[in-house]
Amino acid sequence: MSGSVGLWLLAAALVAGGLAGSVLPALPGVPLVFAGLVVGAWADDFQRVTWLTLTLLGLLTIASFAIDFAATALGAKRVGATRLAILGALIGTFGGIFLGVPGLILGPFVGAVAGELLSHGKVEQATRAGLATWMGLVFGTLAKLALVFTMLSVFAAAYFICGDTLPPGECPLTTRLPDS
C-alpha cells in the first residue's frame, strides 16, 4: 500500500471517528474531523487544500468548543439551573453511552434532574432545569454536526472544485503564499 493511500485511509478513519464523536460525548468529534482533514491535505502534499483552507477549518474547530459550551450553559442558565444540574447532565451523558440511543437521549435529562434535586430538592425546578440543560446539549450537538458538515464542505470545495477546475491562485480557498 502506498503512503498516499495509507494517509487517505487514516484521514477517512479520523473523519468517521469525528462524525461519531460529534454525537457521542466520549470522543472529541470536531478536533478528530479537523485532524482527518489535515491528514487528507497532507496526503495530497497540500496541493489542493492549502494553509488558507486549513486555517479556516482550524477556526471552525475552535468555534465548536465555544458553541458547545455556550449552548449547554445558556440552556441551563435560562431556567436558573445549578452547577450540580450541569454536572449531573454531563455524568448522565457519559452514563448514557452504555445504554445505547435511549441512554444518550435520556441520560443528560435524568442527570440534570438528579443534580438539581440534590441541590435544592424542588421537583418542578429540577424538571425545568433538566429539560433546559438537555435542550442545550441537543442544540450544542446539532451545532457541532453543522460545523462538521461545513468543514467537510469547505474541504471538498477546496479539493474538488478549486483543485480541479480553477487555475492555481484563482480559488480563494487555495491561495498560496508566493515562493521566496
Protein backbone atom coordinates (compact mmCIF):
# COMPACT_ATOMS: atom_id res chain seq x y z
CA MET A 1 0.00 0.00 0.00
CA SER A 2 1.46 3.37 -0.97
CA GLY A 3 1.93 6.12 1.59
CA SER A 4 -0.70 8.32 -0.02
CA VAL A 5 -3.36 5.58 0.18
CA GLY A 6 -2.44 4.96 3.80
CA LEU A 7 -2.79 8.66 4.58
CA TRP A 8 -6.20 8.79 2.87
CA LEU A 9 -7.34 5.77 4.89
CA LEU A 10 -6.14 7.42 8.09
CA ALA A 11 -7.91 10.65 7.09
CA ALA A 12 -11.15 8.76 6.44
CA ALA A 13 -10.90 6.93 9.77
CA LEU A 14 -10.31 10.19 11.66
CA VAL A 15 -13.23 11.90 9.93
CA ALA A 16 -15.52 8.90 10.60
CA GLY A 17 -14.45 8.87 14.25
CA GLY A 18 -15.04 12.62 14.40
CA LEU A 19 -18.54 12.27 12.99
CA ALA A 20 -19.31 9.71 15.69
CA GLY A 21 -17.68 11.92 18.30
CA SER A 22 -19.87 14.85 17.32
CA VAL A 23 -22.78 12.88 18.76
CA LEU A 24 -21.06 10.68 21.35
CA PRO A 25 -19.62 12.62 24.27
CA ALA A 26 -16.59 10.39 24.85
CA LEU A 27 -14.87 11.32 21.57
CA PRO A 28 -13.54 14.77 20.62
CA GLY A 29 -15.60 14.92 17.41
CA VAL A 30 -14.73 18.19 15.72
CA PRO A 31 -10.97 18.02 16.50
CA LEU A 32 -10.88 14.47 15.04
CA VAL A 33 -12.57 15.70 11.87
CA PHE A 34 -10.06 18.55 11.67
CA ALA A 35 -7.16 16.13 12.15
CA GLY A 36 -8.58 13.92 9.39
CA LEU A 37 -8.85 16.87 7.01
CA VAL A 38 -5.27 17.94 7.77
CA VAL A 39 -4.09 14.39 7.03
CA GLY A 40 -6.16 14.48 3.81
CA ALA A 41 -4.47 17.72 2.76
CA TRP A 42 -1.09 16.20 3.63
CA ALA A 43 -1.86 13.12 1.51
CA ASP A 44 -2.06 15.49 -1.47
CA ASP A 45 1.08 17.40 -0.39
CA PHE A 46 -1.13 20.43 0.34
CA GLN A 47 -1.51 21.00 -3.41
CA ARG A 48 -5.30 21.43 -3.45
CA VAL A 49 -6.02 22.20 0.20
CA THR A 50 -3.60 24.86 1.38
CA TRP A 51 -2.81 26.75 4.56
CA LEU A 52 -5.68 29.19 3.99
CA THR A 53 -8.29 26.43 3.91
CA LEU A 54 -6.71 24.67 6.88
CA THR A 55 -6.69 27.94 8.86
CA LEU A 56 -10.39 28.38 8.18
CA LEU A 57 -11.04 24.77 9.23
CA GLY A 58 -8.98 25.33 12.40
CA LEU A 59 -11.03 28.41 13.28
CA LEU A 60 -14.23 26.42 12.82
CA THR A 61 -12.79 23.76 15.13
CA ILE A 62 -12.08 26.37 17.81
CA ALA A 63 -15.57 27.79 17.34
CA SER A 64 -17.04 24.36 18.05
CA PHE A 65 -15.74 24.47 21.63
CA ALA A 66 -17.31 27.86 22.27
CA ILE A 67 -20.63 26.83 20.69
CA ASP A 68 -20.79 23.57 22.62
CA PHE A 69 -20.09 25.26 25.94
CA ALA A 70 -22.41 28.20 25.26
CA ALA A 71 -25.35 26.03 24.19
CA THR A 72 -25.21 23.94 27.36
CA ALA A 73 -24.58 26.88 29.69
CA LEU A 74 -27.27 29.10 28.14
CA GLY A 75 -29.84 26.32 28.22
CA ALA A 76 -29.18 25.72 31.90
CA LYS A 77 -28.86 29.38 32.86
CA ARG A 78 -32.15 30.29 31.20
CA VAL A 79 -34.09 28.46 33.92
CA GLY A 80 -31.63 29.03 36.74
CA ALA A 81 -30.12 25.55 36.83
CA THR A 82 -27.40 24.98 39.40
CA ARG A 83 -23.90 23.72 38.73
CA LEU A 84 -24.97 20.36 40.08
CA ALA A 85 -27.61 20.14 37.34
CA ILE A 86 -24.98 20.78 34.66
CA LEU A 87 -22.61 18.30 36.28
CA GLY A 88 -25.44 15.78 36.51
CA ALA A 89 -26.21 16.26 32.81
CA LEU A 90 -22.58 15.58 31.91
CA ILE A 91 -22.49 12.48 34.11
CA GLY A 92 -25.81 11.34 32.66
CA THR A 93 -24.46 11.83 29.14
CA PHE A 94 -21.42 9.67 29.81
CA GLY A 95 -23.50 7.07 31.62
CA GLY A 96 -25.98 7.06 28.76
CA ILE A 97 -23.31 5.86 26.35
CA PHE A 98 -23.56 2.40 27.83
CA LEU A 99 -27.34 2.29 27.38
CA GLY A 100 -27.36 2.99 23.66
CA VAL A 101 -29.53 5.58 21.94
CA PRO A 102 -32.15 5.77 24.74
CA GLY A 103 -29.35 6.37 27.22
CA LEU A 104 -27.85 9.13 25.08
CA ILE A 105 -31.24 10.81 24.82
CA LEU A 106 -32.43 10.37 28.41
CA GLY A 107 -29.10 10.32 30.28
CA PRO A 108 -28.46 14.08 30.23
CA PHE A 109 -32.03 14.84 31.29
CA VAL A 110 -32.03 12.33 34.15
CA GLY A 111 -28.60 13.51 35.29
CA ALA A 112 -29.61 17.17 35.27
CA VAL A 113 -32.82 16.44 37.19
CA ALA A 114 -30.87 14.40 39.75
CA GLY A 115 -28.27 17.15 40.14
CA GLU A 116 -30.93 19.81 40.60
CA LEU A 117 -32.82 17.66 43.12
CA LEU A 118 -29.61 17.21 45.10
CA SER A 119 -29.12 20.95 45.03
CA HIS A 120 -32.46 22.03 46.48
CA GLY A 121 -35.00 19.21 46.19
CA LYS A 122 -37.70 21.06 44.23
CA VAL A 123 -39.19 18.68 41.66
CA GLU A 124 -40.70 21.36 39.41
CA GLN A 125 -37.45 23.36 39.24
CA ALA A 126 -35.44 20.17 38.75
CA THR A 127 -37.65 19.15 35.81
CA ARG A 128 -37.33 22.58 34.19
CA ALA A 129 -33.57 22.56 34.73
CA GLY A 130 -33.29 19.04 33.36
CA LEU A 131 -35.24 19.91 30.24
CA ALA A 132 -33.34 23.16 29.63
CA THR A 133 -29.95 21.51 30.15
CA TRP A 134 -30.94 18.64 27.88
CA MET A 135 -32.11 21.10 25.19
CA GLY A 136 -28.79 22.93 25.46
CA LEU A 137 -26.90 19.66 24.94
CA VAL A 138 -29.09 18.78 21.96
CA PHE A 139 -28.64 22.18 20.33
CA GLY A 140 -24.90 22.02 21.02
CA THR A 141 -24.73 18.62 19.32
CA LEU A 142 -26.70 19.89 16.33
CA ALA A 143 -24.41 22.91 16.09
CA LYS A 144 -21.33 20.65 16.18
CA LEU A 145 -22.80 18.48 13.41
CA ALA A 146 -23.49 21.60 11.35
CA LEU A 147 -19.89 22.74 11.86
CA VAL A 148 -18.55 19.31 10.89
CA PHE A 149 -20.55 19.28 7.66
CA THR A 150 -19.46 22.86 6.95
CA MET A 151 -15.84 21.80 7.43
CA LEU A 152 -16.29 18.82 5.12
CA SER A 153 -17.92 21.07 2.51
CA VAL A 154 -15.10 23.63 2.67
CA PHE A 155 -12.52 20.85 2.32
CA ALA A 156 -14.43 19.28 -0.60
CA ALA A 157 -14.77 22.67 -2.33
CA ALA A 158 -11.04 23.33 -1.99
CA TYR A 159 -10.10 19.82 -3.07
CA PHE A 160 -12.54 19.05 -5.86
CA ILE A 161 -13.90 22.34 -7.19
CA CYS A 162 -10.92 24.64 -6.82
CA GLY A 163 -8.32 21.93 -7.26
CA ASP A 164 -9.76 20.55 -10.49
CA THR A 165 -11.48 23.43 -12.24
CA LEU A 166 -9.71 26.69 -11.44
CA PRO A 167 -6.16 27.63 -12.32
CA PRO A 168 -3.74 27.90 -9.38
CA GLY A 169 -4.12 31.16 -7.48
CA GLU A 170 -7.70 31.86 -8.61
CA CYS A 171 -9.55 29.95 -5.93
CA PRO A 172 -10.00 31.91 -2.69
CA LEU A 173 -9.79 28.67 -0.68
CA THR A 174 -6.42 27.60 -2.08
CA THR A 175 -4.42 30.81 -2.33
CA ARG A 176 -0.74 30.08 -1.86
CA LEU A 177 1.96 32.23 -0.38
CA PRO A 178 4.40 33.46 -3.03
CA ASP A 179 7.62 31.45 -3.31
CA SER A 180 10.61 33.35 -1.99
